[in-house]
N, C-alpha and C. Protein backbone atom coordinates (compact mmCIF):
# COMPACT_ATOMS: atom_id res chain seq x y z
N MET A 1 -10.86 8.22 18.71
CA MET A 1 -10.34 8.68 17.62
C MET A 1 -10.35 8.12 16.57
N LYS A 2 -10.02 7.97 15.36
CA LYS A 2 -9.84 7.61 14.05
C LYS A 2 -8.61 7.77 13.51
N LEU A 3 -8.10 6.70 12.74
CA LEU A 3 -6.94 6.24 11.91
C LEU A 3 -7.16 6.69 11.02
N GLY A 4 -6.29 7.68 10.11
CA GLY A 4 -6.66 7.41 8.56
C GLY A 4 -5.65 7.44 7.78
N MET A 5 -5.67 7.62 6.82
CA MET A 5 -4.69 7.89 6.03
C MET A 5 -5.19 9.13 4.61
N ASP A 6 -4.04 10.13 4.00
CA ASP A 6 -4.77 10.61 3.10
C ASP A 6 -4.04 10.08 1.65
N ILE A 7 -4.96 10.01 0.96
CA ILE A 7 -3.89 9.22 -0.58
C ILE A 7 -3.00 9.69 -1.24
N TYR A 8 -2.29 10.70 -0.69
CA TYR A 8 -1.42 11.49 -1.17
C TYR A 8 -0.04 10.60 -1.01
N SER A 9 -0.36 10.55 0.44
CA SER A 9 0.99 9.91 0.70
C SER A 9 1.52 8.17 -0.25
N VAL A 10 0.40 7.60 -0.47
CA VAL A 10 0.90 6.31 -1.54
C VAL A 10 0.29 6.51 -3.02
N ARG A 11 0.06 8.31 -3.35
CA ARG A 11 -0.42 8.34 -4.48
C ARG A 11 0.66 7.65 -5.37
N SER A 12 1.97 7.04 -5.61
CA SER A 12 2.99 7.03 -6.36
C SER A 12 2.51 5.30 -6.93
N LYS A 13 1.56 4.82 -5.76
CA LYS A 13 1.54 3.47 -6.42
C LYS A 13 0.26 3.24 -7.30
N GLY A 14 -0.34 4.45 -7.96
CA GLY A 14 -1.35 4.46 -8.58
C GLY A 14 -2.46 3.77 -8.52
N TRP A 15 -2.79 2.83 -7.41
CA TRP A 15 -4.14 2.39 -7.12
C TRP A 15 -5.64 3.47 -7.44
N ASP A 16 -6.52 2.56 -7.41
CA ASP A 16 -7.92 3.20 -7.61
C ASP A 16 -8.63 3.59 -6.08
N ALA A 17 -9.89 3.47 -5.97
CA ALA A 17 -10.67 3.82 -4.76
C ALA A 17 -10.53 2.58 -4.58
N PHE A 18 -10.46 1.52 -4.93
CA PHE A 18 -10.68 0.29 -3.96
C PHE A 18 -9.70 -0.16 -3.75
N GLN A 19 -8.88 0.01 -4.06
CA GLN A 19 -7.52 -0.33 -4.51
C GLN A 19 -6.91 0.00 -2.78
N LEU A 20 -7.15 1.53 -2.80
CA LEU A 20 -6.66 2.55 -1.78
C LEU A 20 -7.75 1.80 -0.44
N LEU A 21 -8.99 1.59 -0.62
CA LEU A 21 -10.21 0.82 0.25
C LEU A 21 -8.97 -0.12 1.07
N ASP A 22 -8.77 -0.78 0.26
CA ASP A 22 -8.63 -2.44 0.52
C ASP A 22 -7.56 -2.48 1.63
N PHE A 23 -6.29 -1.46 0.93
CA PHE A 23 -5.06 -1.60 1.50
C PHE A 23 -5.64 -0.49 2.81
N SER A 24 -6.16 0.12 2.87
CA SER A 24 -6.54 0.83 4.08
C SER A 24 -6.81 -0.24 5.71
N ARG A 25 -8.16 -0.73 5.01
CA ARG A 25 -8.45 -1.90 5.87
C ARG A 25 -7.17 -2.90 6.57
N ARG A 26 -6.67 -3.14 5.12
CA ARG A 26 -5.11 -4.07 5.52
C ARG A 26 -4.60 -3.66 6.80
N ILE A 27 -4.30 -3.01 6.53
CA ILE A 27 -3.11 -2.29 7.80
C ILE A 27 -4.41 -1.28 8.58
N GLY A 28 -5.43 -1.79 9.01
CA GLY A 28 -5.90 -1.38 10.11
C GLY A 28 -6.00 0.04 10.37
N LEU A 29 -6.33 1.07 9.37
CA LEU A 29 -6.85 2.12 9.59
C LEU A 29 -8.58 2.26 9.56
N ASP A 30 -9.27 3.42 9.86
CA ASP A 30 -10.71 3.57 10.26
C ASP A 30 -10.96 4.51 8.77
N LEU A 31 -10.24 5.30 8.50
CA LEU A 31 -11.21 6.07 7.49
C LEU A 31 -9.85 6.63 6.10
N VAL A 32 -10.25 6.73 5.23
CA VAL A 32 -9.46 7.30 3.77
C VAL A 32 -9.58 8.62 3.81
N HIS A 33 -8.66 9.81 3.73
CA HIS A 33 -8.98 10.64 2.71
C HIS A 33 -8.81 10.94 1.55
N PHE A 34 -9.79 11.03 0.68
CA PHE A 34 -9.40 11.02 -1.17
C PHE A 34 -9.25 12.92 -1.16
N SER A 35 -7.70 13.11 -1.33
CA SER A 35 -7.50 14.45 -1.50
C SER A 35 -7.71 15.02 -2.56
N ASP A 36 -7.75 13.86 -3.81
CA ASP A 36 -8.40 14.73 -5.14
C ASP A 36 -8.48 13.42 -5.91
N LEU A 37 -9.28 13.45 -6.86
CA LEU A 37 -10.10 12.95 -7.60
C LEU A 37 -9.54 11.19 -8.86
N ALA A 38 -8.32 11.49 -8.38
CA ALA A 38 -7.28 10.58 -9.43
C ALA A 38 -7.71 9.30 -9.21
N PRO A 39 -7.89 8.92 -7.81
CA PRO A 39 -7.95 7.24 -8.02
C PRO A 39 -9.78 6.80 -8.34
N PHE A 40 -10.52 7.90 -8.74
CA PHE A 40 -12.05 7.66 -9.06
C PHE A 40 -11.86 6.98 -10.29
N ALA A 41 -12.55 6.55 -10.93
CA ALA A 41 -12.68 6.24 -12.68
C ALA A 41 -13.96 6.52 -13.04
N SER A 42 -14.54 6.97 -12.40
CA SER A 42 -16.00 8.03 -12.50
C SER A 42 -16.52 9.32 -11.31
N LEU A 43 -17.67 9.90 -12.45
CA LEU A 43 -18.23 10.98 -10.65
C LEU A 43 -19.59 10.24 -10.80
N GLU A 44 -19.64 9.54 -11.65
CA GLU A 44 -21.81 8.75 -11.64
C GLU A 44 -21.81 8.79 -10.60
N ASP A 45 -22.89 8.81 -10.26
CA ASP A 45 -23.44 8.01 -9.09
C ASP A 45 -23.40 6.96 -8.64
N ASP A 46 -23.60 5.97 -9.74
CA ASP A 46 -23.71 4.55 -9.44
C ASP A 46 -22.10 3.82 -9.06
N TYR A 47 -20.90 5.11 -9.42
CA TYR A 47 -19.64 4.48 -9.19
C TYR A 47 -19.43 4.56 -7.79
N LEU A 48 -19.68 6.02 -7.39
CA LEU A 48 -19.67 6.46 -6.36
C LEU A 48 -20.24 5.73 -5.32
N GLU A 49 -21.63 5.22 -5.74
CA GLU A 49 -22.37 4.54 -4.49
C GLU A 49 -21.81 3.01 -4.66
N ARG A 50 -21.04 2.58 -5.47
CA ARG A 50 -20.13 1.06 -5.28
C ARG A 50 -18.87 1.43 -4.57
N VAL A 51 -18.22 2.84 -4.52
CA VAL A 51 -17.35 3.15 -3.79
C VAL A 51 -17.50 2.90 -2.01
N ARG A 52 -18.60 4.00 -2.38
CA ARG A 52 -18.91 3.78 -0.30
C ARG A 52 -19.22 2.55 -0.62
N ALA A 53 -19.79 1.38 -0.75
CA ALA A 53 -20.69 0.48 -0.32
C ALA A 53 -19.49 -0.64 -0.08
N ARG A 54 -18.33 -0.58 -1.14
CA ARG A 54 -17.08 -0.94 -0.27
C ARG A 54 -16.73 -0.60 0.69
N ALA A 55 -16.36 0.56 0.86
CA ALA A 55 -15.96 1.38 2.09
C ALA A 55 -17.06 1.14 3.14
N ASP A 56 -18.02 1.16 3.32
CA ASP A 56 -18.77 0.73 4.66
C ASP A 56 -18.66 -1.30 4.62
N ALA A 57 -18.77 -1.91 3.73
CA ALA A 57 -18.36 -3.28 3.55
C ALA A 57 -17.20 -3.60 4.49
N LEU A 58 -16.03 -2.54 4.61
CA LEU A 58 -15.28 -2.54 5.34
C LEU A 58 -15.14 -1.88 6.57
N GLY A 59 -15.75 -1.55 6.89
CA GLY A 59 -15.90 -0.58 8.03
C GLY A 59 -14.99 0.50 8.34
N LEU A 60 -14.96 1.32 6.77
CA LEU A 60 -14.36 2.52 6.67
C LEU A 60 -14.79 3.85 6.97
N GLY A 61 -14.60 4.94 6.86
CA GLY A 61 -14.80 6.19 6.68
C GLY A 61 -13.83 6.76 5.69
N ILE A 62 -15.12 7.66 4.57
CA ILE A 62 -14.12 8.35 3.78
C ILE A 62 -14.28 10.00 3.78
N GLU A 63 -13.55 10.64 3.90
CA GLU A 63 -13.87 12.07 3.73
C GLU A 63 -13.14 12.89 1.90
N VAL A 64 -13.43 13.47 1.51
CA VAL A 64 -13.32 14.07 0.51
C VAL A 64 -12.35 15.45 0.22
N GLY A 65 -11.81 15.84 -0.71
CA GLY A 65 -10.47 17.06 -0.44
C GLY A 65 -10.68 17.36 -2.14
N MET A 66 -10.12 18.75 -2.01
CA MET A 66 -9.67 19.38 -3.30
C MET A 66 -8.40 19.89 -3.13
N LEU A 67 -8.29 20.68 -4.08
CA LEU A 67 -7.30 21.81 -4.14
C LEU A 67 -7.97 22.98 -4.27
N SER A 68 -7.42 24.25 -4.44
CA SER A 68 -7.77 25.15 -4.51
C SER A 68 -8.91 26.14 -4.96
N ILE A 69 -9.66 26.37 -4.27
CA ILE A 69 -11.54 27.20 -4.69
C ILE A 69 -11.24 28.51 -4.96
N CYS A 70 -9.99 29.04 -4.70
CA CYS A 70 -9.65 31.17 -5.28
C CYS A 70 -8.97 30.98 -6.52
N GLU A 71 -9.83 31.55 -7.71
CA GLU A 71 -9.70 31.67 -9.01
C GLU A 71 -8.79 32.07 -8.86
N SER A 72 -7.99 33.91 -8.36
CA SER A 72 -6.72 34.16 -8.05
C SER A 72 -5.41 32.77 -7.91
N ALA A 73 -5.47 32.33 -7.03
CA ALA A 73 -4.61 31.38 -6.57
C ALA A 73 -3.35 31.07 -8.15
N THR A 74 -2.28 30.81 -7.53
CA THR A 74 -0.88 29.84 -8.46
C THR A 74 -1.74 28.75 -8.72
N ILE A 75 -2.53 28.12 -7.91
CA ILE A 75 -2.33 26.59 -8.10
C ILE A 75 -4.41 26.18 -8.30
N PHE A 76 -4.98 27.24 -8.81
CA PHE A 76 -6.20 26.70 -9.39
C PHE A 76 -6.02 26.19 -10.65
N ASP A 77 -7.37 25.14 -11.09
CA ASP A 77 -6.51 24.69 -11.86
C ASP A 77 -8.74 24.97 -12.77
N ARG A 78 -7.75 25.90 -13.34
CA ARG A 78 -9.09 26.31 -14.77
C ARG A 78 -9.35 25.64 -15.76
N SER A 79 -9.00 24.89 -15.70
CA SER A 79 -9.20 23.62 -16.84
C SER A 79 -10.51 22.84 -16.33
N GLN A 80 -11.12 22.95 -15.07
CA GLN A 80 -11.92 21.74 -14.11
C GLN A 80 -12.89 22.88 -13.97
N GLY A 81 -12.89 24.25 -14.47
CA GLY A 81 -14.14 25.22 -14.26
C GLY A 81 -13.85 26.00 -13.47
N SER A 82 -14.74 26.87 -13.16
CA SER A 82 -15.14 28.26 -12.10
C SER A 82 -14.70 27.02 -10.75
N ALA A 83 -14.53 28.09 -9.37
CA ALA A 83 -14.15 27.93 -8.18
C ALA A 83 -15.28 27.05 -7.72
N VAL A 84 -16.46 27.68 -8.25
CA VAL A 84 -17.67 27.38 -7.68
C VAL A 84 -18.53 26.03 -8.33
N GLU A 85 -18.12 25.85 -9.60
CA GLU A 85 -18.44 24.84 -10.15
C GLU A 85 -17.75 23.78 -9.97
N GLN A 86 -16.32 23.73 -9.41
CA GLN A 86 -15.97 22.72 -9.11
C GLN A 86 -16.34 22.46 -7.51
N VAL A 87 -16.53 23.36 -6.62
CA VAL A 87 -16.98 23.26 -5.40
C VAL A 87 -18.18 22.65 -5.57
N THR A 88 -18.86 22.66 -6.38
CA THR A 88 -20.33 22.06 -6.58
C THR A 88 -20.14 20.60 -6.82
N ARG A 89 -19.41 20.49 -7.81
CA ARG A 89 -19.31 19.04 -8.00
C ARG A 89 -19.13 18.16 -6.89
N MET A 90 -17.68 18.69 -5.97
CA MET A 90 -17.07 18.06 -5.17
C MET A 90 -18.15 17.85 -4.01
N LEU A 91 -18.69 18.48 -3.72
CA LEU A 91 -19.94 18.93 -2.94
C LEU A 91 -20.94 17.30 -3.13
N HIS A 92 -21.17 17.10 -4.75
CA HIS A 92 -21.64 16.40 -4.72
C HIS A 92 -21.02 15.14 -4.64
N VAL A 93 -19.79 15.18 -4.71
CA VAL A 93 -18.77 13.70 -4.90
C VAL A 93 -18.32 13.46 -2.87
N ALA A 94 -18.53 14.85 -2.44
CA ALA A 94 -18.80 14.27 -0.77
C ALA A 94 -19.87 13.85 -0.24
N ASP A 95 -21.15 14.41 -0.87
CA ASP A 95 -22.57 13.72 -0.45
C ASP A 95 -22.66 12.51 -0.57
N LYS A 96 -22.30 12.13 -1.73
CA LYS A 96 -22.28 10.79 -2.35
C LYS A 96 -21.65 9.99 -1.91
N LEU A 97 -20.23 10.06 -0.95
CA LEU A 97 -19.71 9.10 -0.33
C LEU A 97 -19.65 9.49 1.50
N ARG A 98 -20.62 10.15 1.67
CA ARG A 98 -21.03 10.34 2.72
C ARG A 98 -19.75 11.07 3.49
N SER A 99 -18.74 12.00 2.89
CA SER A 99 -17.88 12.48 3.45
C SER A 99 -18.48 13.31 4.71
N PRO A 100 -17.84 13.48 5.76
CA PRO A 100 -18.32 14.62 6.72
C PRO A 100 -18.12 16.05 6.49
N ILE A 101 -16.93 15.80 5.61
CA ILE A 101 -16.31 17.31 4.89
C ILE A 101 -15.49 17.44 3.85
N LEU A 102 -15.57 18.75 3.16
CA LEU A 102 -14.77 18.57 1.82
C LEU A 102 -13.91 20.19 2.17
N ARG A 103 -12.64 18.76 2.09
CA ARG A 103 -11.40 19.86 2.56
C ARG A 103 -10.90 20.43 1.37
N CYS A 104 -10.53 22.04 1.44
CA CYS A 104 -10.11 22.56 0.28
C CYS A 104 -8.93 23.30 0.48
N VAL A 105 -8.19 24.09 0.21
CA VAL A 105 -7.11 25.05 0.29
C VAL A 105 -7.73 26.38 -0.44
N GLN A 106 -7.04 27.28 -0.07
CA GLN A 106 -7.28 28.99 -0.66
C GLN A 106 -6.02 28.93 -2.55
N GLY A 107 -5.28 28.49 -1.42
CA GLY A 107 -4.14 28.31 -2.88
C GLY A 107 -2.96 28.11 -1.76
N SER A 108 -1.39 28.53 -2.59
CA SER A 108 0.02 27.91 -2.10
C SER A 108 0.20 28.98 -1.48
N SER A 109 1.41 29.04 -0.78
CA SER A 109 2.37 30.05 -0.50
C SER A 109 3.10 31.29 -1.50
N ALA A 110 3.29 30.18 -2.58
CA ALA A 110 3.42 31.26 -3.91
C ALA A 110 2.31 32.44 -3.84
N ASP A 111 1.55 32.45 -3.39
CA ASP A 111 0.02 33.51 -3.48
C ASP A 111 0.72 34.69 -2.26
N ARG A 112 1.25 34.63 -1.65
CA ARG A 112 1.94 35.74 -1.11
C ARG A 112 2.44 36.57 -1.79
N GLU A 113 3.45 35.74 -3.14
CA GLU A 113 4.31 37.11 -3.93
C GLU A 113 3.90 37.30 -5.07
N THR A 114 2.16 37.21 -5.59
CA THR A 114 1.91 37.66 -6.64
C THR A 114 1.55 38.85 -6.57
N GLU A 115 1.86 39.91 -8.04
CA GLU A 115 1.88 40.77 -8.12
C GLU A 115 0.02 41.53 -7.16
N LEU A 116 -0.78 40.72 -6.76
CA LEU A 116 -1.83 40.91 -6.61
C LEU A 116 -1.77 40.48 -5.01
N PRO A 117 -2.29 41.60 -4.32
CA PRO A 117 -2.13 41.32 -2.70
C PRO A 117 -2.94 39.99 -2.34
N PHE A 118 -1.82 39.31 -1.34
CA PHE A 118 -2.63 38.43 -0.25
C PHE A 118 -3.73 38.39 -0.09
N GLU A 119 -4.23 39.24 0.14
CA GLU A 119 -5.69 40.03 0.98
C GLU A 119 -6.54 39.62 -0.20
N ALA A 120 -6.48 39.87 -1.63
CA ALA A 120 -7.08 40.01 -2.59
C ALA A 120 -7.86 38.37 -2.71
N HIS A 121 -6.59 37.31 -2.95
CA HIS A 121 -6.89 35.88 -2.66
C HIS A 121 -7.87 35.81 -1.75
N ILE A 122 -7.53 35.73 -0.36
CA ILE A 122 -8.52 35.78 0.71
C ILE A 122 -9.42 36.12 0.08
N GLU A 123 -9.93 37.07 -0.13
CA GLU A 123 -11.48 37.41 -0.72
C GLU A 123 -12.11 36.88 -1.77
N ASN A 124 -11.09 36.67 -2.65
CA ASN A 124 -11.53 35.43 -4.05
C ASN A 124 -12.17 33.89 -2.91
N THR A 125 -11.27 33.71 -2.12
CA THR A 125 -11.88 32.34 -1.31
C THR A 125 -12.93 32.66 -0.43
N ILE A 126 -13.42 33.73 -0.13
CA ILE A 126 -14.25 33.81 0.66
C ILE A 126 -16.14 34.15 -0.33
N ALA A 127 -15.53 34.92 -1.37
CA ALA A 127 -16.75 34.80 -2.52
C ALA A 127 -17.26 33.79 -2.98
N THR A 128 -16.44 33.15 -3.14
CA THR A 128 -16.60 31.46 -3.83
C THR A 128 -17.46 30.81 -2.26
N CYS A 129 -16.47 30.53 -1.06
CA CYS A 129 -17.70 29.94 -0.10
C CYS A 129 -18.91 30.39 -0.04
N LYS A 130 -19.27 32.15 -0.19
CA LYS A 130 -20.51 32.74 0.42
C LYS A 130 -21.08 32.27 -1.02
N ALA A 131 -20.81 31.76 -1.73
CA ALA A 131 -21.59 31.44 -3.46
C ALA A 131 -22.06 30.00 -3.26
N VAL A 132 -21.12 28.83 -2.75
CA VAL A 132 -21.74 27.46 -2.11
C VAL A 132 -22.60 27.18 -1.28
N ARG A 133 -22.63 28.80 -0.07
CA ARG A 133 -22.88 28.97 1.51
C ARG A 133 -24.81 27.72 1.73
N SER A 134 -25.26 28.20 0.79
CA SER A 134 -26.39 27.64 0.82
C SER A 134 -26.44 25.97 0.27
N GLN A 135 -25.65 25.50 -0.69
CA GLN A 135 -25.75 24.42 -1.06
C GLN A 135 -25.09 23.23 0.08
N CYS A 136 -24.36 24.20 1.00
CA CYS A 136 -23.22 23.29 2.02
C CYS A 136 -24.15 23.32 3.29
N LEU A 137 -25.13 24.18 3.29
CA LEU A 137 -26.25 24.23 4.80
C LEU A 137 -27.17 22.82 3.92
N ASP A 138 -27.57 22.86 2.69
CA ASP A 138 -28.84 22.16 2.25
C ASP A 138 -28.11 21.00 2.39
N LEU A 139 -26.70 20.78 2.55
CA LEU A 139 -25.98 19.05 2.34
C LEU A 139 -25.86 19.16 4.13
């Protein structure tokens, strides 16, 4: 079993990806879960490859995550593009960082109290998953 941390737990430090990796090694962890993109200075391949190389040098695994993949969810961030665009971007990041997963969420508990029935939010989430299914299988 691996011991790791979600960067959310130390977000107040304002550390970049390299500082988070160094800290994780210093306290004896095996893996770092990047639950958002805030610590990354860039999503360019060369930058992501440098992050992966640092993790390799430190003997750390990396996992990648994001928030909502449901466009009707109260926490969905439309400024980042459609759900499919966001998942596609994050799948690329996960691939470059060799993350075995892409953690995502439907939304929040507030979605159970919207005018739109909760089942509709679930259907929207399923639609996003179906739209990126072949890309996921390829990876």
